[in-house]
Amino acid sequence: MKALLQRVTGARVTVAGNCVGEIGPGLLVLLGLDRGDNRASGERLLEKILAYRMFADEQGRMNRNVVQSGGGVLLVSQFTLAADTSKGLRPGFSGALPPDEARTLYEYLLEALRRRHQPVAAGEFGADMQVSLVNDGPVTFLLESA
């Protein structure tokens, strides 16, 4: 499981021209699900996402997490994060969690995130989404479950 975290001043997701999710300052989380990922690994990654210190304190140091900063979280499924890019010029997706399993796990993690933090917005699983964001910093980190 991979989560690409981007600190943003704002982000939104549209599908067919309609906004399906939007936040102000906070985190855009692009989530890639791999074979073998499960609820337990997802729960651990969610805890890390919410606790990861990437927001400035009074001294300008990255000592605050999204909860402490009062920011939102926009969770977007990102199938291409599960790609194997180790050889050739075309990504392979054999390591990605199959779509039905990925949808179930993504929806579970979205609800788990909503129980832990607000505000939370989301993309639409499996849809052709357009994601707009203003990366603040820029600050971007890739977290992976063990």
N, C-alpha and C. Protein backbone atom coordinates (compact mmCIF):
# COMPACT_ATOMS: atom_id res chain seq x y z
N MET A 1 0.86 -1.17 0.00
CA MET A 1 0.00 0.00 0.00
C MET A 1 0.91 1.23 0.00
N LYS A 2 0.57 2.15 -0.85
CA LYS A 2 1.34 3.38 -0.96
C LYS A 2 0.40 4.57 -0.81
N ALA A 3 0.87 5.58 -0.10
CA ALA A 3 0.13 6.82 0.04
C ALA A 3 1.06 7.97 -0.31
N LEU A 4 0.73 8.68 -1.36
CA LEU A 4 1.47 9.87 -1.74
C LEU A 4 0.77 11.06 -1.10
N LEU A 5 1.45 11.68 -0.13
CA LEU A 5 0.88 12.80 0.62
C LEU A 5 1.39 14.10 0.03
N GLN A 6 0.47 15.00 -0.23
CA GLN A 6 0.83 16.33 -0.70
C GLN A 6 0.17 17.36 0.21
N ARG A 7 1.00 18.22 0.80
CA ARG A 7 0.45 19.31 1.60
C ARG A 7 -0.08 20.34 0.62
N VAL A 8 -1.34 20.72 0.80
CA VAL A 8 -1.98 21.61 -0.16
C VAL A 8 -2.63 22.80 0.54
N THR A 9 -2.77 23.88 -0.22
CA THR A 9 -3.59 25.00 0.25
C THR A 9 -5.03 24.79 -0.17
N GLY A 10 -5.24 23.86 -1.11
CA GLY A 10 -6.57 23.48 -1.56
C GLY A 10 -6.46 22.41 -2.63
N ALA A 11 -7.48 21.54 -2.70
CA ALA A 11 -7.51 20.48 -3.71
C ALA A 11 -8.95 20.09 -3.98
N ARG A 12 -9.19 19.66 -5.22
CA ARG A 12 -10.54 19.21 -5.58
C ARG A 12 -10.45 18.12 -6.63
N VAL A 13 -11.49 17.28 -6.65
CA VAL A 13 -11.60 16.21 -7.63
C VAL A 13 -12.91 16.39 -8.38
N THR A 14 -12.83 16.33 -9.70
CA THR A 14 -14.03 16.39 -10.52
C THR A 14 -14.14 15.12 -11.35
N VAL A 15 -15.38 14.73 -11.59
CA VAL A 15 -15.70 13.59 -12.45
C VAL A 15 -16.77 14.09 -13.42
N ALA A 16 -16.49 13.98 -14.70
CA ALA A 16 -17.42 14.43 -15.75
C ALA A 16 -17.87 15.87 -15.52
N GLY A 17 -16.92 16.70 -15.07
CA GLY A 17 -17.21 18.12 -14.87
C GLY A 17 -17.86 18.47 -13.55
N ASN A 18 -18.19 17.46 -12.72
CA ASN A 18 -18.84 17.71 -11.42
C ASN A 18 -17.84 17.50 -10.28
N CYS A 19 -17.80 18.45 -9.35
CA CYS A 19 -16.92 18.31 -8.20
C CYS A 19 -17.48 17.22 -7.28
N VAL A 20 -16.65 16.21 -6.98
CA VAL A 20 -17.08 15.13 -6.09
C VAL A 20 -16.39 15.20 -4.73
N GLY A 21 -15.33 16.00 -4.63
CA GLY A 21 -14.62 16.15 -3.37
C GLY A 21 -13.73 17.36 -3.39
N GLU A 22 -13.69 18.09 -2.27
CA GLU A 22 -12.89 19.31 -2.22
C GLU A 22 -12.51 19.62 -0.79
N ILE A 23 -11.27 20.10 -0.60
CA ILE A 23 -10.81 20.57 0.70
C ILE A 23 -10.08 21.89 0.53
N GLY A 24 -9.96 22.62 1.63
CA GLY A 24 -9.08 23.78 1.69
C GLY A 24 -7.71 23.29 2.11
N PRO A 25 -7.03 24.02 2.99
CA PRO A 25 -5.70 23.58 3.43
C PRO A 25 -5.75 22.20 4.07
N GLY A 26 -4.73 21.39 3.77
CA GLY A 26 -4.66 20.05 4.35
C GLY A 26 -3.81 19.13 3.52
N LEU A 27 -4.28 17.89 3.39
CA LEU A 27 -3.55 16.84 2.69
C LEU A 27 -4.36 16.25 1.54
N LEU A 28 -3.73 16.17 0.39
CA LEU A 28 -4.24 15.34 -0.69
C LEU A 28 -3.51 14.02 -0.55
N VAL A 29 -4.25 12.92 -0.43
CA VAL A 29 -3.66 11.59 -0.28
C VAL A 29 -4.06 10.76 -1.49
N LEU A 30 -3.06 10.42 -2.30
CA LEU A 30 -3.27 9.50 -3.42
C LEU A 30 -2.90 8.12 -2.92
N LEU A 31 -3.84 7.17 -2.99
CA LEU A 31 -3.69 5.86 -2.37
C LEU A 31 -3.62 4.76 -3.41
N GLY A 32 -2.52 4.02 -3.40
CA GLY A 32 -2.35 2.87 -4.29
C GLY A 32 -2.40 1.59 -3.48
N LEU A 33 -3.19 0.63 -3.94
CA LEU A 33 -3.39 -0.63 -3.21
C LEU A 33 -2.74 -1.79 -3.96
N ASP A 34 -1.91 -2.54 -3.23
CA ASP A 34 -1.16 -3.66 -3.80
C ASP A 34 -1.74 -4.99 -3.32
N ARG A 35 -1.45 -6.05 -4.08
CA ARG A 35 -1.83 -7.40 -3.64
C ARG A 35 -1.25 -7.64 -2.25
N GLY A 36 -2.03 -8.23 -1.40
CA GLY A 36 -1.59 -8.50 -0.04
C GLY A 36 -1.99 -7.42 0.96
N ASP A 37 -2.41 -6.27 0.47
CA ASP A 37 -2.88 -5.22 1.38
C ASP A 37 -4.19 -5.64 2.01
N ASN A 38 -4.40 -5.21 3.25
CA ASN A 38 -5.62 -5.58 3.97
C ASN A 38 -6.01 -4.48 4.94
N ARG A 39 -7.07 -4.71 5.67
CA ARG A 39 -7.57 -3.70 6.62
C ARG A 39 -6.52 -3.35 7.67
N ALA A 40 -5.81 -4.34 8.18
CA ALA A 40 -4.83 -4.09 9.23
C ALA A 40 -3.70 -3.20 8.72
N SER A 41 -3.17 -3.48 7.55
CA SER A 41 -2.10 -2.64 7.00
C SER A 41 -2.63 -1.26 6.67
N GLY A 42 -3.88 -1.19 6.23
CA GLY A 42 -4.51 0.09 5.94
C GLY A 42 -4.70 0.93 7.18
N GLU A 43 -5.14 0.30 8.26
CA GLU A 43 -5.33 1.02 9.53
C GLU A 43 -4.00 1.61 10.01
N ARG A 44 -2.92 0.82 9.91
CA ARG A 44 -1.61 1.32 10.32
C ARG A 44 -1.18 2.51 9.46
N LEU A 45 -1.43 2.42 8.16
CA LEU A 45 -1.05 3.52 7.27
C LEU A 45 -1.90 4.76 7.54
N LEU A 46 -3.19 4.58 7.83
CA LEU A 46 -4.03 5.73 8.18
C LEU A 46 -3.51 6.45 9.41
N GLU A 47 -3.12 5.68 10.42
CA GLU A 47 -2.57 6.28 11.64
C GLU A 47 -1.33 7.10 11.32
N LYS A 48 -0.49 6.56 10.45
CA LYS A 48 0.73 7.27 10.07
C LYS A 48 0.41 8.54 9.28
N ILE A 49 -0.56 8.44 8.37
CA ILE A 49 -0.95 9.61 7.57
C ILE A 49 -1.42 10.74 8.49
N LEU A 50 -2.27 10.42 9.44
CA LEU A 50 -2.81 11.44 10.33
C LEU A 50 -1.77 11.98 11.31
N ALA A 51 -0.75 11.20 11.62
CA ALA A 51 0.27 11.62 12.58
C ALA A 51 1.51 12.21 11.91
N TYR A 52 1.64 12.07 10.60
CA TYR A 52 2.85 12.51 9.91
C TYR A 52 3.01 14.02 9.99
N ARG A 53 4.16 14.46 10.48
CA ARG A 53 4.38 15.89 10.74
C ARG A 53 4.91 16.57 9.48
N MET A 54 4.02 17.29 8.81
CA MET A 54 4.42 18.00 7.59
C MET A 54 3.83 19.39 7.49
N PHE A 55 3.34 19.89 8.63
CA PHE A 55 2.80 21.25 8.71
C PHE A 55 3.65 22.06 9.68
N ALA A 56 3.81 23.33 9.38
CA ALA A 56 4.70 24.19 10.15
C ALA A 56 4.15 24.55 11.52
N ASP A 57 5.05 24.62 12.49
CA ASP A 57 4.72 25.16 13.81
C ASP A 57 5.04 26.66 13.81
N GLU A 58 5.04 27.27 14.99
CA GLU A 58 5.28 28.71 15.10
C GLU A 58 6.68 29.11 14.65
N GLN A 59 7.63 28.19 14.71
CA GLN A 59 8.99 28.46 14.28
C GLN A 59 9.23 28.10 12.80
N GLY A 60 8.18 27.67 12.12
CA GLY A 60 8.31 27.33 10.71
C GLY A 60 8.84 25.93 10.45
N ARG A 61 8.95 25.11 11.50
CA ARG A 61 9.44 23.74 11.36
C ARG A 61 8.26 22.79 11.14
N MET A 62 8.50 21.73 10.39
CA MET A 62 7.44 20.73 10.14
C MET A 62 7.27 19.86 11.38
N ASN A 63 6.52 20.37 12.34
CA ASN A 63 6.30 19.67 13.61
C ASN A 63 4.84 19.37 13.89
N ARG A 64 3.94 19.74 12.97
CA ARG A 64 2.51 19.50 13.19
C ARG A 64 1.97 18.54 12.14
N ASN A 65 1.01 17.74 12.58
CA ASN A 65 0.34 16.84 11.64
C ASN A 65 -0.96 17.50 11.16
N VAL A 66 -1.67 16.83 10.29
CA VAL A 66 -2.88 17.40 9.71
C VAL A 66 -3.96 17.63 10.78
N VAL A 67 -4.01 16.76 11.77
CA VAL A 67 -4.99 16.92 12.85
C VAL A 67 -4.69 18.19 13.64
N GLN A 68 -3.42 18.37 14.02
CA GLN A 68 -3.02 19.54 14.79
C GLN A 68 -3.19 20.83 13.99
N SER A 69 -3.03 20.73 12.68
CA SER A 69 -3.13 21.93 11.84
C SER A 69 -4.58 22.29 11.54
N GLY A 70 -5.51 21.37 11.80
CA GLY A 70 -6.92 21.60 11.51
C GLY A 70 -7.26 21.47 10.04
N GLY A 71 -6.37 20.85 9.27
CA GLY A 71 -6.58 20.72 7.83
C GLY A 71 -7.49 19.57 7.45
N GLY A 72 -7.94 19.61 6.21
CA GLY A 72 -8.76 18.53 5.67
C GLY A 72 -7.91 17.46 5.02
N VAL A 73 -8.55 16.36 4.67
CA VAL A 73 -7.90 15.28 3.94
C VAL A 73 -8.79 14.93 2.75
N LEU A 74 -8.17 14.90 1.57
CA LEU A 74 -8.85 14.47 0.35
C LEU A 74 -8.21 13.15 -0.06
N LEU A 75 -8.97 12.06 0.01
CA LEU A 75 -8.48 10.72 -0.30
C LEU A 75 -8.91 10.33 -1.71
N VAL A 76 -7.92 9.97 -2.53
CA VAL A 76 -8.18 9.64 -3.93
C VAL A 76 -7.50 8.31 -4.25
N SER A 77 -8.27 7.35 -4.76
CA SER A 77 -7.67 6.08 -5.18
C SER A 77 -6.81 6.35 -6.41
N GLN A 78 -5.61 5.76 -6.42
CA GLN A 78 -4.65 5.99 -7.50
C GLN A 78 -4.04 4.65 -7.91
N PHE A 79 -4.73 3.98 -8.81
CA PHE A 79 -4.32 2.66 -9.30
C PHE A 79 -2.88 2.65 -9.80
N THR A 80 -2.45 3.71 -10.45
CA THR A 80 -1.11 3.72 -11.05
C THR A 80 0.01 3.72 -10.03
N LEU A 81 -0.26 4.03 -8.76
CA LEU A 81 0.79 3.93 -7.74
C LEU A 81 1.21 2.49 -7.49
N ALA A 82 0.38 1.54 -7.89
CA ALA A 82 0.70 0.13 -7.72
C ALA A 82 1.51 -0.43 -8.89
N ALA A 83 1.91 0.42 -9.81
CA ALA A 83 2.62 -0.03 -11.01
C ALA A 83 4.03 -0.51 -10.70
N ASP A 84 4.44 -1.52 -11.45
CA ASP A 84 5.83 -1.96 -11.44
C ASP A 84 6.52 -1.24 -12.60
N THR A 85 7.46 -0.38 -12.27
CA THR A 85 8.17 0.41 -13.29
C THR A 85 9.64 0.01 -13.37
N SER A 86 9.97 -1.17 -12.86
CA SER A 86 11.37 -1.56 -12.74
C SER A 86 12.03 -1.93 -14.07
N LYS A 87 11.24 -2.27 -15.07
CA LYS A 87 11.87 -2.61 -16.35
C LYS A 87 10.98 -2.20 -17.51
N GLY A 88 11.62 -1.96 -18.62
CA GLY A 88 10.88 -1.60 -19.82
C GLY A 88 10.35 -0.19 -19.77
N LEU A 89 9.51 0.11 -20.76
CA LEU A 89 8.96 1.45 -20.89
C LEU A 89 7.45 1.48 -20.71
N ARG A 90 6.88 0.38 -20.25
CA ARG A 90 5.46 0.32 -19.99
C ARG A 90 5.27 -0.23 -18.57
N PRO A 91 4.44 0.45 -17.77
CA PRO A 91 4.23 -0.05 -16.40
C PRO A 91 3.46 -1.36 -16.40
N GLY A 92 3.77 -2.20 -15.42
CA GLY A 92 3.02 -3.43 -15.22
C GLY A 92 2.15 -3.31 -13.99
N PHE A 93 0.98 -3.92 -14.04
CA PHE A 93 0.03 -3.78 -12.93
C PHE A 93 -0.34 -5.11 -12.28
N SER A 94 0.47 -6.13 -12.50
CA SER A 94 0.15 -7.44 -11.93
C SER A 94 0.21 -7.44 -10.41
N GLY A 95 0.91 -6.48 -9.81
CA GLY A 95 1.00 -6.41 -8.36
C GLY A 95 -0.11 -5.60 -7.71
N ALA A 96 -0.99 -5.03 -8.52
CA ALA A 96 -2.09 -4.22 -7.98
C ALA A 96 -3.18 -5.12 -7.41
N LEU A 97 -3.83 -4.66 -6.39
CA LEU A 97 -4.98 -5.37 -5.83
C LEU A 97 -6.09 -5.39 -6.87
N PRO A 98 -6.73 -6.54 -7.12
CA PRO A 98 -7.82 -6.60 -8.10
C PRO A 98 -8.91 -5.58 -7.78
N PRO A 99 -9.57 -5.05 -8.82
CA PRO A 99 -10.51 -3.94 -8.65
C PRO A 99 -11.59 -4.15 -7.59
N ASP A 100 -12.24 -5.30 -7.55
CA ASP A 100 -13.30 -5.51 -6.56
C ASP A 100 -12.77 -5.47 -5.13
N GLU A 101 -11.62 -6.11 -4.92
CA GLU A 101 -10.99 -6.09 -3.60
C GLU A 101 -10.50 -4.69 -3.25
N ALA A 102 -9.95 -3.98 -4.25
CA ALA A 102 -9.44 -2.64 -4.02
C ALA A 102 -10.58 -1.69 -3.65
N ARG A 103 -11.71 -1.81 -4.33
CA ARG A 103 -12.86 -0.95 -4.02
C ARG A 103 -13.31 -1.17 -2.57
N THR A 104 -13.43 -2.43 -2.18
CA THR A 104 -13.86 -2.76 -0.82
C THR A 104 -12.90 -2.19 0.21
N LEU A 105 -11.60 -2.37 -0.01
CA LEU A 105 -10.61 -1.87 0.94
C LEU A 105 -10.58 -0.34 0.95
N TYR A 106 -10.65 0.28 -0.22
CA TYR A 106 -10.66 1.74 -0.30
C TYR A 106 -11.85 2.31 0.47
N GLU A 107 -13.03 1.75 0.25
CA GLU A 107 -14.23 2.24 0.94
C GLU A 107 -14.13 2.05 2.45
N TYR A 108 -13.55 0.92 2.87
CA TYR A 108 -13.34 0.69 4.29
C TYR A 108 -12.41 1.75 4.87
N LEU A 109 -11.30 2.02 4.17
CA LEU A 109 -10.32 2.98 4.67
C LEU A 109 -10.89 4.40 4.67
N LEU A 110 -11.70 4.73 3.70
CA LEU A 110 -12.34 6.04 3.67
C LEU A 110 -13.23 6.23 4.90
N GLU A 111 -14.03 5.23 5.22
CA GLU A 111 -14.90 5.33 6.40
C GLU A 111 -14.08 5.36 7.69
N ALA A 112 -13.01 4.58 7.74
CA ALA A 112 -12.14 4.59 8.92
C ALA A 112 -11.50 5.98 9.09
N LEU A 113 -11.10 6.58 7.99
CA LEU A 113 -10.53 7.92 8.03
C LEU A 113 -11.56 8.93 8.52
N ARG A 114 -12.78 8.82 8.04
CA ARG A 114 -13.85 9.74 8.45
C ARG A 114 -14.19 9.60 9.94
N ARG A 115 -14.02 8.41 10.49
CA ARG A 115 -14.26 8.21 11.93
C ARG A 115 -13.17 8.88 12.77
N ARG A 116 -11.98 9.02 12.20
CA ARG A 116 -10.84 9.56 12.94
C ARG A 116 -10.63 11.06 12.76
N HIS A 117 -11.09 11.61 11.65
CA HIS A 117 -10.74 12.99 11.32
C HIS A 117 -11.83 13.64 10.49
N GLN A 118 -11.94 14.95 10.64
CA GLN A 118 -12.83 15.74 9.80
C GLN A 118 -12.15 17.07 9.51
N PRO A 119 -12.33 17.67 8.39
CA PRO A 119 -13.13 17.20 7.26
C PRO A 119 -12.36 16.21 6.38
N VAL A 120 -13.10 15.29 5.78
CA VAL A 120 -12.56 14.33 4.83
C VAL A 120 -13.43 14.37 3.58
N ALA A 121 -12.78 14.45 2.44
CA ALA A 121 -13.46 14.37 1.15
C ALA A 121 -12.81 13.25 0.36
N ALA A 122 -13.43 12.86 -0.75
CA ALA A 122 -12.90 11.72 -1.50
C ALA A 122 -13.17 11.86 -2.98
N GLY A 123 -12.34 11.14 -3.74
CA GLY A 123 -12.60 10.98 -5.15
C GLY A 123 -13.62 9.88 -5.35
N GLU A 124 -13.80 9.45 -6.58
CA GLU A 124 -14.75 8.39 -6.92
C GLU A 124 -13.96 7.19 -7.43
N PHE A 125 -14.00 6.11 -6.70
CA PHE A 125 -13.20 4.94 -7.03
C PHE A 125 -13.49 4.48 -8.46
N GLY A 126 -12.43 4.25 -9.22
CA GLY A 126 -12.54 3.70 -10.57
C GLY A 126 -12.95 4.70 -11.64
N ALA A 127 -13.24 5.93 -11.26
CA ALA A 127 -13.70 6.92 -12.23
C ALA A 127 -12.50 7.60 -12.90
N ASP A 128 -12.76 8.20 -14.05
CA ASP A 128 -11.79 9.07 -14.70
C ASP A 128 -11.89 10.41 -13.99
N MET A 129 -10.93 10.69 -13.11
CA MET A 129 -10.99 11.87 -12.25
C MET A 129 -9.98 12.91 -12.71
N GLN A 130 -10.33 14.16 -12.50
CA GLN A 130 -9.41 15.25 -12.69
C GLN A 130 -9.14 15.84 -11.30
N VAL A 131 -7.88 15.84 -10.92
CA VAL A 131 -7.49 16.31 -9.60
C VAL A 131 -6.76 17.64 -9.76
N SER A 132 -7.26 18.66 -9.09
CA SER A 132 -6.63 19.98 -9.10
C SER A 132 -6.12 20.25 -7.70
N LEU A 133 -4.92 20.81 -7.61
CA LEU A 133 -4.35 21.09 -6.31
C LEU A 133 -3.36 22.23 -6.39
N VAL A 134 -3.15 22.85 -5.26
CA VAL A 134 -2.04 23.78 -5.10
C VAL A 134 -1.17 23.18 -4.00
N ASN A 135 -0.03 22.62 -4.43
CA ASN A 135 0.91 22.00 -3.50
C ASN A 135 1.59 23.11 -2.72
N ASP A 136 1.53 23.01 -1.41
CA ASP A 136 2.06 24.03 -0.52
C ASP A 136 3.49 23.68 -0.14
N GLY A 137 4.44 24.43 -0.66
CA GLY A 137 5.84 24.23 -0.31
C GLY A 137 6.77 24.22 -1.51
N PRO A 138 6.75 23.27 -2.38
CA PRO A 138 5.95 22.05 -2.37
C PRO A 138 6.44 21.06 -1.32
N VAL A 139 5.48 20.37 -0.72
CA VAL A 139 5.77 19.33 0.27
C VAL A 139 5.04 18.07 -0.17
N THR A 140 5.80 17.01 -0.47
CA THR A 140 5.24 15.74 -0.93
C THR A 140 6.06 14.61 -0.32
N PHE A 141 5.37 13.60 0.24
CA PHE A 141 6.03 12.44 0.82
C PHE A 141 5.32 11.17 0.36
N LEU A 142 6.10 10.11 0.14
CA LEU A 142 5.55 8.81 -0.19
C LEU A 142 5.67 7.91 1.03
N LEU A 143 4.53 7.45 1.54
CA LEU A 143 4.52 6.50 2.66
C LEU A 143 4.13 5.14 2.12
N GLU A 144 4.75 4.10 2.64
CA GLU A 144 4.42 2.74 2.23
C GLU A 144 4.19 1.90 3.48
N SER A 145 3.21 1.00 3.38
CA SER A 145 2.97 0.08 4.48
C SER A 145 4.04 -1.00 4.43
N ALA A 146 4.38 -1.52 5.59
CA ALA A 146 5.45 -2.54 5.66
C ALA A 146 4.90 -3.90 5.29
